[in-house]
Amino acid sequence: MGEMSEKGVRTTRKATSLTSARSHAEEYLAYLSGTRNVSKNTIKGYRADIDAFLDWCERKDVDPLTITTPQVRAWLGELRRARYATRTMNRKLSALRGFYNWMIERDFATTSALATMPGPKVGRHLPKVMGDREVRQMLAVVDGESAWDVFDRALVEFLYATGARIQEASNVNLEDIDLVRGSVRLFGKGSKERLVPLYSRARASVGDYLESVRPERAAKASEADGDESARALFLSQRGRRMSAAALRTRFERVVEKAGLPPTITPHTMRHTFATELLNGDADLRSVQELLGHASLSTTQIYTNLSIERLGEVMRQAHPRGE
């Protein structure tokens, strides 16, 4: 009887800890949003990762506030068996590491198992880039005069000219773009602002869209979001700001229409932008600024990629390249 009572006390304690952890998670996310000015998309991702972990704790009867190193390893093992990519596992671990460090600082948790757990090692991975021929294929299939051709051409040229993340493209407002001077203001992670030049063809394509397609779409904006839509650069047929997902879908349709592999994404265009700059002798610091990278080490991967491409050119062109 006493043993059953003790087990019941332990179960009640774990349930209480789980409730507290969920409450602390909401406080932590509010802290990131309000004090740290973390983007809504990042907050959404952190919430999903923390909620999934706490659900796992509930299923496995684990106290999240006193979790042990073996229990953390068991969680990582379950992710591995579920065939999560190493990068995804590290992203989840990073989200939880920040959460637990925050709780430890406030004495909400007494365990450092998650805060100090190293992530799985990621193998060296170079980003995929497009060649000039592939870019030309994409632009060739949107060379028509239909509204969507004009829109898609503006989108592809914009991404190729700026190296913008697809979410950044979605967030661009009319006041952010200056076609006379040839520049666009982008807001990256943490609302960090940067100014990126636009080459002449991109200015022409975006200008064509602004003149012949956008006005009709803007006229369809509802009164409820008219002010918001009136500011957005890329609008849907119904006059609404195109979300990142909607812009990604348009890009994927152009890729498919061009007969290119579906592995080519808007982010591939960003990788291509960076690599082309380095191949054209741009310095690494400038590329870092144009991409909006907080750390130079993030940009350095493109140096490796540029060297590999030069090596491939040499192997093909040099008489002893084999």
C-alpha atoms as a PDB file:
ATOM      1  CA  MET A   1       0.000   0.000   0.000  1.00  0.00           C
ATOM      2  CA  GLY A   2       2.836   2.356   0.994  1.00  0.00           C
ATOM      3  CA  GLU A   3       4.695   1.473  -2.236  1.00  0.00           C
ATOM      4  CA  MET A   4       1.637   2.253  -4.340  1.00  0.00           C
ATOM      5  CA  SER A   5       1.222   5.527  -2.486  1.00  0.00           C
ATOM      6  CA  GLU A   6       4.864   6.471  -3.149  1.00  0.00           C
ATOM      7  CA  LYS A   7       4.415   5.629  -6.850  1.00  0.00           C
ATOM      8  CA  GLY A   8       1.331   7.827  -6.941  1.00  0.00           C
ATOM      9  CA  VAL A   9       3.259  10.695  -5.397  1.00  0.00           C
ATOM     10  CA  ARG A  10       6.004  10.321  -8.037  1.00  0.00           C
ATOM     11  CA  THR A  11       3.415  10.289 -10.831  1.00  0.00           C
ATOM     12  CA  THR A  12       1.736  13.402  -9.419  1.00  0.00           C
ATOM     13  CA  ARG A  13       5.110  15.143  -9.122  1.00  0.00           C
ATOM     14  CA  LYS A  14       5.984  14.389 -12.760  1.00  0.00           C
ATOM     15  CA  ALA A  15       2.574  15.607 -13.931  1.00  0.00           C
ATOM     16  CA  THR A  16       3.078  18.834 -11.999  1.00  0.00           C
ATOM     17  CA  SER A  17       6.569  19.254 -13.477  1.00  0.00           C
ATOM     18  CA  LEU A  18       5.192  18.722 -16.969  1.00  0.00           C
ATOM     19  CA  THR A  19       2.525  21.387 -16.431  1.00  0.00           C
ATOM     20  CA  SER A  20       5.177  23.763 -15.082  1.00  0.00           C
ATOM     21  CA  ALA A  21       7.478  23.065 -18.030  1.00  0.00           C
ATOM     22  CA  ARG A  22       4.714  23.858 -20.509  1.00  0.00           C
ATOM     23  CA  SER A  23       3.979  27.094 -18.661  1.00  0.00           C
ATOM     24  CA  HIS A  24       7.672  28.025 -18.617  1.00  0.00           C
ATOM     25  CA  ALA A  25       7.857  27.285 -22.332  1.00  0.00           C
ATOM     26  CA  GLU A  26       5.203  29.918 -22.991  1.00  0.00           C
ATOM     27  CA  GLU A  27       7.130  32.402 -20.824  1.00  0.00           C
ATOM     28  CA  TYR A  28      10.350  31.592 -22.677  1.00  0.00           C
ATOM     29  CA  LEU A  29       8.781  32.069 -26.106  1.00  0.00           C
ATOM     30  CA  ALA A  30       7.215  35.350 -24.971  1.00  0.00           C
ATOM     31  CA  TYR A  31      10.664  36.430 -23.743  1.00  0.00           C
ATOM     32  CA  LEU A  32      12.238  35.598 -27.120  1.00  0.00           C
ATOM     33  CA  SER A  33       9.507  37.453 -28.977  1.00  0.00           C
ATOM     34  CA  GLY A  34       9.319  40.519 -26.765  1.00  0.00           C
ATOM     35  CA  THR A  35      12.826  41.000 -25.387  1.00  0.00           C
ATOM     36  CA  ARG A  36      15.020  39.297 -27.976  1.00  0.00           C
ATOM     37  CA  ASN A  37      12.911  40.325 -31.012  1.00  0.00           C
ATOM     38  CA  VAL A  38      13.093  36.804 -32.498  1.00  0.00           C
ATOM     39  CA  SER A  39      11.044  36.389 -35.702  1.00  0.00           C
ATOM     40  CA  LYS A  40       7.590  34.811 -35.715  1.00  0.00           C
ATOM     41  CA  ASN A  41       8.763  31.930 -37.905  1.00  0.00           C
ATOM     42  CA  THR A  42      11.604  31.104 -35.514  1.00  0.00           C
ATOM     43  CA  ILE A  43       9.234  31.268 -32.538  1.00  0.00           C
ATOM     44  CA  LYS A  44       6.861  28.923 -34.370  1.00  0.00           C
ATOM     45  CA  GLY A  45       9.685  26.438 -34.961  1.00  0.00           C
ATOM     46  CA  TYR A  46      10.878  26.598 -31.331  1.00  0.00           C
ATOM     47  CA  ARG A  47       7.328  26.066 -30.095  1.00  0.00           C
ATOM     48  CA  ALA A  48       6.887  22.960 -32.253  1.00  0.00           C
ATOM     49  CA  ASP A  49      10.229  21.495 -31.094  1.00  0.00           C
ATOM     50  CA  ILE A  50       9.614  22.178 -27.392  1.00  0.00           C
ATOM     51  CA  ASP A  51       6.021  20.918 -27.516  1.00  0.00           C
ATOM     52  CA  ALA A  52       7.107  17.715 -29.284  1.00  0.00           C
ATOM     53  CA  PHE A  53       9.795  17.114 -26.650  1.00  0.00           C
ATOM     54  CA  LEU A  54       7.404  17.686 -23.742  1.00  0.00           C
ATOM     55  CA  ASP A  55       4.897  15.333 -25.390  1.00  0.00           C
ATOM     56  CA  TRP A  56       7.670  12.731 -25.510  1.00  0.00           C
ATOM     57  CA  CYS A  57       8.368  13.312 -21.799  1.00  0.00           C
ATOM     58  CA  GLU A  58       4.686  12.737 -21.067  1.00  0.00           C
ATOM     59  CA  ARG A  59       4.591   9.497 -23.100  1.00  0.00           C
ATOM     60  CA  LYS A  60       7.759   8.168 -21.481  1.00  0.00           C
ATOM     61  CA  ASP A  61       6.835   9.313 -17.972  1.00  0.00           C
ATOM     62  CA  VAL A  62       9.931  11.532 -17.794  1.00  0.00           C
ATOM     63  CA  ASP A  63      10.150  14.555 -15.491  1.00  0.00           C
ATOM     64  CA  PRO A  64      11.281  17.344 -17.856  1.00  0.00           C
ATOM     65  CA  LEU A  65      12.605  19.525 -15.019  1.00  0.00           C
ATOM     66  CA  THR A  66      14.970  16.830 -13.696  1.00  0.00           C
ATOM     67  CA  ILE A  67      15.672  14.925 -16.923  1.00  0.00           C
ATOM     68  CA  THR A  68      18.893  12.904 -16.906  1.00  0.00           C
ATOM     69  CA  THR A  69      21.587  12.474 -19.561  1.00  0.00           C
ATOM     70  CA  PRO A  70      20.550   8.831 -20.308  1.00  0.00           C
ATOM     71  CA  GLN A  71      16.959  10.024 -20.822  1.00  0.00           C
ATOM     72  CA  VAL A  72      18.113  12.736 -23.248  1.00  0.00           C
ATOM     73  CA  ARG A  73      20.098  10.101 -25.137  1.00  0.00           C
ATOM     74  CA  ALA A  74      16.996   7.916 -25.260  1.00  0.00           C
ATOM     75  CA  TRP A  75      15.075  10.824 -26.830  1.00  0.00           C
ATOM     76  CA  LEU A  76      17.816  11.394 -29.407  1.00  0.00           C
ATOM     77  CA  GLY A  77      17.867   7.647 -30.109  1.00  0.00           C
ATOM     78  CA  GLU A  78      14.137   7.719 -30.845  1.00  0.00           C
ATOM     79  CA  LEU A  79      14.634  10.603 -33.284  1.00  0.00           C
ATOM     80  CA  ARG A  80      17.431   8.666 -34.983  1.00  0.00           C
ATOM     81  CA  ARG A  81      15.263   5.548 -35.323  1.00  0.00           C
ATOM     82  CA  ALA A  82      12.523   7.741 -36.813  1.00  0.00           C
ATOM     83  CA  ARG A  83      15.107   8.706 -39.477  1.00  0.00           C
ATOM     84  CA  TYR A  84      15.268  12.401 -38.635  1.00  0.00           C
ATOM     85  CA  ALA A  85      18.095  14.150 -40.490  1.00  0.00           C
ATOM     86  CA  THR A  86      21.132  15.048 -38.393  1.00  0.00           C
ATOM     87  CA  ARG A  87      20.572  18.743 -39.045  1.00  0.00           C
ATOM     88  CA  THR A  88      16.957  18.454 -37.866  1.00  0.00           C
ATOM     89  CA  MET A  89      18.058  16.691 -34.668  1.00  0.00           C
ATOM     90  CA  ASN A  90      20.615  19.409 -34.017  1.00  0.00           C
ATOM     91  CA  ARG A  91      17.987  22.095 -34.639  1.00  0.00           C
ATOM     92  CA  LYS A  92      15.647  20.492 -32.109  1.00  0.00           C
ATOM     93  CA  LEU A  93      18.473  20.119 -29.613  1.00  0.00           C
ATOM     94  CA  SER A  94      19.474  23.746 -30.099  1.00  0.00           C
ATOM     95  CA  ALA A  95      15.919  24.937 -29.424  1.00  0.00           C
ATOM     96  CA  LEU A  96      15.762  22.877 -26.229  1.00  0.00           C
ATOM     97  CA  ARG A  97      19.251  23.898 -25.146  1.00  0.00           C
ATOM     98  CA  GLY A  98      18.220  27.547 -25.222  1.00  0.00           C
ATOM     99  CA  PHE A  99      15.007  26.780 -23.332  1.00  0.00           C
ATOM    100  CA  TYR A 100      16.799  24.819 -20.603  1.00  0.00           C
ATOM    101  CA  ASN A 101      19.561  27.397 -20.195  1.00  0.00           C
ATOM    102  CA  TRP A 102      16.835  30.000 -19.718  1.00  0.00           C
ATOM    103  CA  MET A 103      15.072  27.812 -17.101  1.00  0.00           C
ATOM    104  CA  ILE A 104      18.328  27.062 -15.234  1.00  0.00           C
ATOM    105  CA  GLU A 105      19.137  30.791 -15.006  1.00  0.00           C
ATOM    106  CA  ARG A 106      15.764  31.294 -13.306  1.00  0.00           C
ATOM    107  CA  ASP A 107      15.964  28.180 -11.110  1.00  0.00           C
ATOM    108  CA  PHE A 108      12.981  26.623 -12.877  1.00  0.00           C
ATOM    109  CA  ALA A 109      14.970  23.482 -13.719  1.00  0.00           C
ATOM    110  CA  THR A 110      17.686  21.639 -11.824  1.00  0.00           C
ATOM    111  CA  THR A 111      19.122  19.612 -14.700  1.00  0.00           C
ATOM    112  CA  SER A 112      21.838  20.567 -17.157  1.00  0.00           C
ATOM    113  CA  ALA A 113      21.532  17.348 -19.200  1.00  0.00           C
ATOM    114  CA  LEU A 114      19.912  19.075 -22.169  1.00  0.00           C
ATOM    115  CA  ALA A 115      21.811  22.323 -21.806  1.00  0.00           C
ATOM    116  CA  THR A 116      25.166  20.565 -22.179  1.00  0.00           C
ATOM    117  CA  MET A 117      24.284  17.648 -24.487  1.00  0.00           C
ATOM    118  CA  PRO A 118      26.388  17.819 -27.693  1.00  0.00           C
ATOM    119  CA  GLY A 119      24.501  17.318 -30.955  1.00  0.00           C
ATOM    120  CA  PRO A 120      25.135  14.596 -33.531  1.00  0.00           C
ATOM    121  CA  LYS A 121      28.015  15.397 -35.856  1.00  0.00           C
ATOM    122  CA  VAL A 122      26.988  16.723 -39.255  1.00  0.00           C
ATOM    123  CA  GLY A 123      28.964  15.581 -42.271  1.00  0.00           C
ATOM    124  CA  ARG A 124      30.477  18.190 -44.580  1.00  0.00           C
ATOM    125  CA  HIS A 125      27.742  19.326 -46.898  1.00  0.00           C
ATOM    126  CA  LEU A 126      28.135  21.790 -49.728  1.00  0.00           C
ATOM    127  CA  PRO A 127      24.988  23.563 -50.907  1.00  0.00           C
ATOM    128  CA  LYS A 128      23.599  22.874 -54.361  1.00  0.00           C
ATOM    129  CA  VAL A 129      23.946  25.712 -56.860  1.00  0.00           C
ATOM    130  CA  MET A 130      22.578  26.361 -60.325  1.00  0.00           C
ATOM    131  CA  GLY A 131      24.576  26.922 -63.474  1.00  0.00           C
ATOM    132  CA  ASP A 132      23.966  29.785 -65.874  1.00  0.00           C
ATOM    133  CA  ARG A 133      22.230  27.374 -68.282  1.00  0.00           C
ATOM    134  CA  GLU A 134      19.668  26.368 -65.646  1.00  0.00           C
ATOM    135  CA  VAL A 135      18.906  29.984 -64.763  1.00  0.00           C
ATOM    136  CA  ARG A 136      18.433  30.781 -68.451  1.00  0.00           C
ATOM    137  CA  GLN A 137      16.055  27.794 -68.788  1.00  0.00           C
ATOM    138  CA  MET A 138      13.928  29.143 -65.953  1.00  0.00           C
ATOM    139  CA  LEU A 139      13.785  32.634 -67.426  1.00  0.00           C
ATOM    140  CA  ALA A 140      13.024  31.251 -70.900  1.00  0.00           C
ATOM    141  CA  VAL A 141       9.799  29.567 -69.739  1.00  0.00           C
ATOM    142  CA  VAL A 142       8.467  32.796 -68.177  1.00  0.00           C
ATOM    143  CA  ASP A 143       9.248  34.990 -71.187  1.00  0.00           C
ATOM    144  CA  GLY A 144       5.568  35.448 -72.094  1.00  0.00           C
ATOM    145  CA  GLU A 145       3.242  38.378 -71.487  1.00  0.00           C
ATOM    146  CA  SER A 146       0.582  36.719 -69.320  1.00  0.00           C
ATOM    147  CA  ALA A 147       0.132  38.103 -65.802  1.00  0.00           C
ATOM    148  CA  TRP A 148       1.714  35.040 -64.225  1.00  0.00           C
ATOM    149  CA  ASP A 149       4.635  35.069 -66.673  1.00  0.00           C
ATOM    150  CA  VAL A 150       5.339  38.679 -65.774  1.00  0.00           C
ATOM    151  CA  PHE A 151       5.004  37.878 -62.051  1.00  0.00           C
ATOM    152  CA  ASP A 152       7.194  34.760 -62.199  1.00  0.00           C
ATOM    153  CA  ARG A 153       9.850  36.532 -64.244  1.00  0.00           C
ATOM    154  CA  ALA A 154       9.983  39.333 -61.674  1.00  0.00           C
ATOM    155  CA  LEU A 155      10.228  36.793 -58.829  1.00  0.00           C
ATOM    156  CA  VAL A 156      13.025  34.741 -60.412  1.00  0.00           C
ATOM    157  CA  GLU A 157      15.048  37.825 -61.395  1.00  0.00           C
ATOM    158  CA  PHE A 158      14.500  39.329 -57.933  1.00  0.00           C
ATOM    159  CA  LEU A 159      15.774  36.212 -56.143  1.00  0.00           C
ATOM    160  CA  TYR A 160      18.723  35.845 -58.509  1.00  0.00           C
ATOM    161  CA  ALA A 161      19.663  39.505 -58.124  1.00  0.00           C
ATOM    162  CA  THR A 162      19.397  39.713 -54.332  1.00  0.00           C
ATOM    163  CA  GLY A 163      20.032  36.261 -52.859  1.00  0.00           C
ATOM    164  CA  ALA A 164      17.009  36.938 -50.645  1.00  0.00           C
ATOM    165  CA  ARG A 165      15.472  34.244 -48.505  1.00  0.00           C
ATOM    166  CA  ILE A 166      11.951  33.450 -49.701  1.00  0.00           C
ATOM    167  CA  GLN A 167      10.473  34.850 -46.471  1.00  0.00           C
ATOM    168  CA  GLU A 168      12.422  38.063 -47.013  1.00  0.00           C
ATOM    169  CA  ALA A 169      10.963  38.332 -50.529  1.00  0.00           C
ATOM    170  CA  SER A 170       7.473  37.889 -49.088  1.00  0.00           C
ATOM    171  CA  ASN A 171       8.112  40.656 -46.556  1.00  0.00           C
ATOM    172  CA  VAL A 172       9.297  43.262 -49.098  1.00  0.00           C
ATOM    173  CA  ASN A 173       7.100  46.342 -49.268  1.00  0.00           C
ATOM    174  CA  LEU A 174       6.895  48.932 -52.032  1.00  0.00           C
ATOM    175  CA  GLU A 175       8.801  51.476 -49.955  1.00  0.00           C
ATOM    176  CA  ASP A 176      11.678  48.992 -49.615  1.00  0.00           C
ATOM    177  CA  ILE A 177      12.461  48.937 -53.319  1.00  0.00           C
ATOM    178  CA  ASP A 178      14.042  51.764 -55.325  1.00  0.00           C
ATOM    179  CA  LEU A 179      14.125  51.029 -59.045  1.00  0.00           C
ATOM    180  CA  VAL A 180      15.698  54.366 -59.896  1.00  0.00           C
ATOM    181  CA  ARG A 181      18.760  53.807 -57.730  1.00  0.00           C
ATOM    182  CA  GLY A 182      18.550  50.051 -58.217  1.00  0.00           C
ATOM    183  CA  SER A 183      18.370  48.778 -54.653  1.00  0.00           C
ATOM    184  CA  VAL A 184      16.099  46.910 -52.254  1.00  0.00           C
ATOM    185  CA  ARG A 185      15.979  46.909 -48.471  1.00  0.00           C
ATOM    186  CA  LEU A 186      15.669  43.412 -46.976  1.00  0.00           C
ATOM    187  CA  PHE A 187      14.940  42.432 -43.393  1.00  0.00           C
ATOM    188  CA  GLY A 188      16.638  39.206 -42.346  1.00  0.00           C
ATOM    189  CA  LYS A 189      16.620  37.133 -39.190  1.00  0.00           C
ATOM    190  CA  GLY A 190      16.027  39.203 -36.087  1.00  0.00           C
ATOM    191  CA  SER A 191      14.736  42.006 -38.350  1.00  0.00           C
ATOM    192  CA  LYS A 192      18.340  42.826 -39.300  1.00  0.00           C
ATOM    193  CA  GLU A 193      18.232  45.304 -42.180  1.00  0.00           C
ATOM    194  CA  ARG A 194      20.472  45.269 -45.246  1.00  0.00           C
ATOM    195  CA  LEU A 195      20.548  47.109 -48.577  1.00  0.00           C
ATOM    196  CA  VAL A 196      21.128  44.993 -51.707  1.00  0.00           C
ATOM    197  CA  PRO A 197      21.723  46.326 -55.241  1.00  0.00           C
ATOM    198  CA  LEU A 198      19.481  45.260 -58.139  1.00  0.00           C
ATOM    199  CA  TYR A 199      21.013  44.689 -61.551  1.00  0.00           C
ATOM    200  CA  SER A 200      19.322  46.272 -64.584  1.00  0.00           C
ATOM    201  CA  ARG A 201      17.432  43.179 -65.831  1.00  0.00           C
ATOM    202  CA  ALA A 202      15.945  42.586 -62.392  1.00  0.00           C
ATOM    203  CA  ARG A 203      14.893  46.245 -62.209  1.00  0.00           C
ATOM    204  CA  ALA A 204      13.272  45.925 -65.632  1.00  0.00           C
ATOM    205  CA  SER A 205      11.389  42.739 -64.726  1.00  0.00           C
ATOM    206  CA  VAL A 206      10.179  44.066 -61.377  1.00  0.00           C
ATOM    207  CA  GLY A 207       9.258  47.370 -63.026  1.00  0.00           C
ATOM    208  CA  ASP A 208       7.245  45.538 -65.684  1.00  0.00           C
ATOM    209  CA  TYR A 209       5.363  43.656 -62.958  1.00  0.00           C
ATOM    210  CA  LEU A 210       4.711  46.866 -60.993  1.00  0.00           C
ATOM    211  CA  GLU A 211       3.359  48.611 -64.063  1.00  0.00           C
ATOM    212  CA  SER A 212       1.311  45.912 -65.803  1.00  0.00           C
ATOM    213  CA  VAL A 213       0.247  43.340 -63.179  1.00  0.00           C
ATOM    214  CA  ARG A 214       0.330  44.633 -59.637  1.00  0.00           C
ATOM    215  CA  PRO A 215      -2.147  47.561 -59.979  1.00  0.00           C
ATOM    216  CA  GLU A 216      -4.996  45.252 -61.024  1.00  0.00           C
ATOM    217  CA  ARG A 217      -4.224  42.873 -58.192  1.00  0.00           C
ATOM    218  CA  ALA A 218      -3.951  45.659 -55.628  1.00  0.00           C
ATOM    219  CA  ALA A 219      -7.403  46.887 -56.660  1.00  0.00           C
ATOM    220  CA  LYS A 220      -8.854  43.538 -55.518  1.00  0.00           C
ATOM    221  CA  ALA A 221      -7.569  43.850 -51.971  1.00  0.00           C
ATOM    222  CA  SER A 222     -10.331  43.635 -49.372  1.00  0.00           C
ATOM    223  CA  GLU A 223     -11.011  46.557 -47.058  1.00  0.00           C
ATOM    224  CA  ALA A 224      -9.905  44.404 -44.114  1.00  0.00           C
ATOM    225  CA  ASP A 225      -6.323  44.102 -45.259  1.00  0.00           C
ATOM    226  CA  GLY A 226      -6.196  46.830 -47.866  1.00  0.00           C
ATOM    227  CA  ASP A 227      -3.531  48.862 -46.061  1.00  0.00           C
ATOM    228  CA  GLU A 228      -1.325  45.819 -45.596  1.00  0.00           C
ATOM    229  CA  SER A 229      -1.714  44.601 -49.164  1.00  0.00           C
ATOM    230  CA  ALA A 230      -1.173  48.101 -50.499  1.00  0.00           C
ATOM    231  CA  ARG A 231       2.361  47.931 -49.092  1.00  0.00           C
ATOM    232  CA  ALA A 232       3.365  44.441 -50.286  1.00  0.00           C
ATOM    233  CA  LEU A 233       5.509  44.032 -53.399  1.00  0.00           C
ATOM    234  CA  PHE A 234       4.367  40.560 -54.416  1.00  0.00           C
ATOM    235  CA  LEU A 235       0.576  40.193 -54.522  1.00  0.00           C
ATOM    236  CA  SER A 236      -1.670  37.230 -55.293  1.00  0.00           C
ATOM    237  CA  GLN A 237      -4.475  37.355 -57.860  1.00  0.00           C
ATOM    238  CA  ARG A 238      -6.834  38.295 -55.013  1.00  0.00           C
ATOM    239  CA  GLY A 239      -4.697  41.251 -53.976  1.00  0.00           C
ATOM    240  CA  ARG A 240      -3.186  39.662 -50.876  1.00  0.00           C
ATOM    241  CA  ARG A 241       0.459  39.629 -49.839  1.00  0.00           C
ATOM    242  CA  MET A 242       2.017  36.439 -51.202  1.00  0.00           C
ATOM    243  CA  SER A 243       3.249  34.305 -48.308  1.00  0.00           C
ATOM    244  CA  ALA A 244       6.632  32.576 -48.391  1.00  0.00           C
ATOM    245  CA  ALA A 245       4.850  29.274 -49.068  1.00  0.00           C
ATOM    246  CA  ALA A 246       2.900  30.765 -51.986  1.00  0.00           C
ATOM    247  CA  LEU A 247       6.051  32.285 -53.516  1.00  0.00           C
ATOM    248  CA  ARG A 248       7.845  28.957 -53.085  1.00  0.00           C
ATOM    249  CA  THR A 249       5.011  27.230 -54.965  1.00  0.00           C
ATOM    250  CA  ARG A 250       5.312  29.713 -57.849  1.00  0.00           C
ATOM    251  CA  PHE A 251       9.063  29.112 -57.975  1.00  0.00           C
ATOM    252  CA  GLU A 252       8.585  25.324 -57.969  1.00  0.00           C
ATOM    253  CA  ARG A 253       6.155  25.605 -60.886  1.00  0.00           C
ATOM    254  CA  VAL A 254       8.726  27.524 -62.906  1.00  0.00           C
ATOM    255  CA  VAL A 255      11.345  24.869 -62.099  1.00  0.00           C
ATOM    256  CA  GLU A 256       8.979  22.111 -63.232  1.00  0.00           C
ATOM    257  CA  LYS A 257       8.010  24.011 -66.384  1.00  0.00           C
ATOM    258  CA  ALA A 258      11.702  24.431 -67.227  1.00  0.00           C
ATOM    259  CA  GLY A 259      12.237  20.681 -66.925  1.00  0.00           C
ATOM    260  CA  LEU A 260      14.693  21.077 -64.059  1.00  0.00           C
ATOM    261  CA  PRO A 261      15.007  18.770 -61.018  1.00  0.00           C
ATOM    262  CA  PRO A 262      12.697  19.516 -58.052  1.00  0.00           C
ATOM    263  CA  THR A 263      15.747  19.749 -55.795  1.00  0.00           C
ATOM    264  CA  ILE A 264      16.154  23.307 -57.114  1.00  0.00           C
ATOM    265  CA  THR A 265      14.499  25.583 -54.555  1.00  0.00           C
ATOM    266  CA  PRO A 266      14.456  29.323 -53.823  1.00  0.00           C
ATOM    267  CA  HIS A 267      17.326  28.690 -51.410  1.00  0.00           C
ATOM    268  CA  THR A 268      19.288  27.137 -54.280  1.00  0.00           C
ATOM    269  CA  MET A 269      18.989  30.519 -55.961  1.00  0.00           C
ATOM    270  CA  ARG A 270      20.417  32.121 -52.795  1.00  0.00           C
ATOM    271  CA  HIS A 271      23.364  29.686 -52.833  1.00  0.00           C
ATOM    272  CA  THR A 272      23.893  30.447 -56.520  1.00  0.00           C
ATOM    273  CA  PHE A 273      23.871  34.200 -55.856  1.00  0.00           C
ATOM    274  CA  ALA A 274      26.597  33.839 -53.215  1.00  0.00           C
ATOM    275  CA  THR A 275      28.753  31.519 -55.314  1.00  0.00           C
ATOM    276  CA  GLU A 276      28.530  33.731 -58.396  1.00  0.00           C
ATOM    277  CA  LEU A 277      29.698  36.719 -56.347  1.00  0.00           C
ATOM    278  CA  LEU A 278      32.719  34.849 -55.015  1.00  0.00           C
ATOM    279  CA  ASN A 279      33.539  33.509 -58.473  1.00  0.00           C
ATOM    280  CA  GLY A 280      33.466  37.128 -59.636  1.00  0.00           C
ATOM    281  CA  ASP A 281      36.111  38.031 -57.009  1.00  0.00           C
ATOM    282  CA  ALA A 282      33.776  39.630 -54.472  1.00  0.00           C
ATOM    283  CA  ASP A 283      35.350  39.644 -51.010  1.00  0.00           C
ATOM    284  CA  LEU A 284      33.893  37.405 -48.307  1.00  0.00           C
ATOM    285  CA  ARG A 285      32.844  40.296 -46.029  1.00  0.00           C
ATOM    286  CA  SER A 286      30.792  41.875 -48.813  1.00  0.00           C
ATOM    287  CA  VAL A 287      29.052  38.577 -49.548  1.00  0.00           C
ATOM    288  CA  GLN A 288      28.345  38.188 -45.823  1.00  0.00           C
ATOM    289  CA  GLU A 289      26.683  41.615 -45.765  1.00  0.00           C
ATOM    290  CA  LEU A 290      24.639  40.945 -48.900  1.00  0.00           C
ATOM    291  CA  LEU A 291      23.396  37.594 -47.558  1.00  0.00           C
ATOM    292  CA  GLY A 292      22.642  38.987 -44.102  1.00  0.00           C
ATOM    293  CA  HIS A 293      24.754  36.377 -42.306  1.00  0.00           C
ATOM    294  CA  ALA A 294      25.489  37.173 -38.672  1.00  0.00           C
ATOM    295  CA  SER A 295      28.710  35.153 -38.744  1.00  0.00           C
ATOM    296  CA  LEU A 296      31.449  35.092 -41.382  1.00  0.00           C
ATOM    297  CA  SER A 297      31.873  31.345 -40.798  1.00  0.00           C
ATOM    298  CA  THR A 298      28.407  30.783 -42.273  1.00  0.00           C
ATOM    299  CA  THR A 299      29.481  32.527 -45.472  1.00  0.00           C
ATOM    300  CA  GLN A 300      32.783  30.643 -45.721  1.00  0.00           C
ATOM    301  CA  ILE A 301      31.079  27.463 -46.957  1.00  0.00           C
ATOM    302  CA  TYR A 302      30.646  29.220 -50.309  1.00  0.00           C
ATOM    303  CA  THR A 303      34.419  29.636 -50.524  1.00  0.00           C
ATOM    304  CA  ASN A 304      34.749  25.848 -50.379  1.00  0.00           C
ATOM    305  CA  LEU A 305      32.049  25.514 -53.013  1.00  0.00           C
ATOM    306  CA  SER A 306      33.726  28.067 -55.268  1.00  0.00           C
ATOM    307  CA  ILE A 307      37.049  26.221 -55.010  1.00  0.00           C
ATOM    308  CA  GLU A 308      35.353  22.921 -55.857  1.00  0.00           C
ATOM    309  CA  ARG A 309      33.753  24.433 -58.953  1.00  0.00           C
ATOM    310  CA  LEU A 310      37.079  25.885 -60.065  1.00  0.00           C
ATOM    311  CA  GLY A 311      38.624  22.462 -59.548  1.00  0.00           C
ATOM    312  CA  GLU A 312      35.977  20.884 -61.753  1.00  0.00           C
ATOM    313  CA  VAL A 313      36.640  23.466 -64.483  1.00  0.00           C
ATOM    314  CA  MET A 314      40.352  22.702 -64.280  1.00  0.00           C
ATOM    315  CA  ARG A 315      39.780  18.938 -64.510  1.00  0.00           C
ATOM    316  CA  GLN A 316      37.689  19.436 -67.626  1.00  0.00           C
ATOM    317  CA  ALA A 317      39.963  21.986 -69.328  1.00  0.00           C
ATOM    318  CA  HIS A 318      43.499  21.048 -68.323  1.00  0.00           C
ATOM    319  CA  PRO A 319      45.234  18.446 -70.552  1.00  0.00           C
ATOM    320  CA  ARG A 320      46.317  16.557 -67.449  1.00  0.00           C
ATOM    321  CA  GLY A 321      43.141  17.270 -65.511  1.00  0.00           C
ATOM    322  CA  GLU A 322      42.214  13.595 -65.373  1.00  0.00           C
END
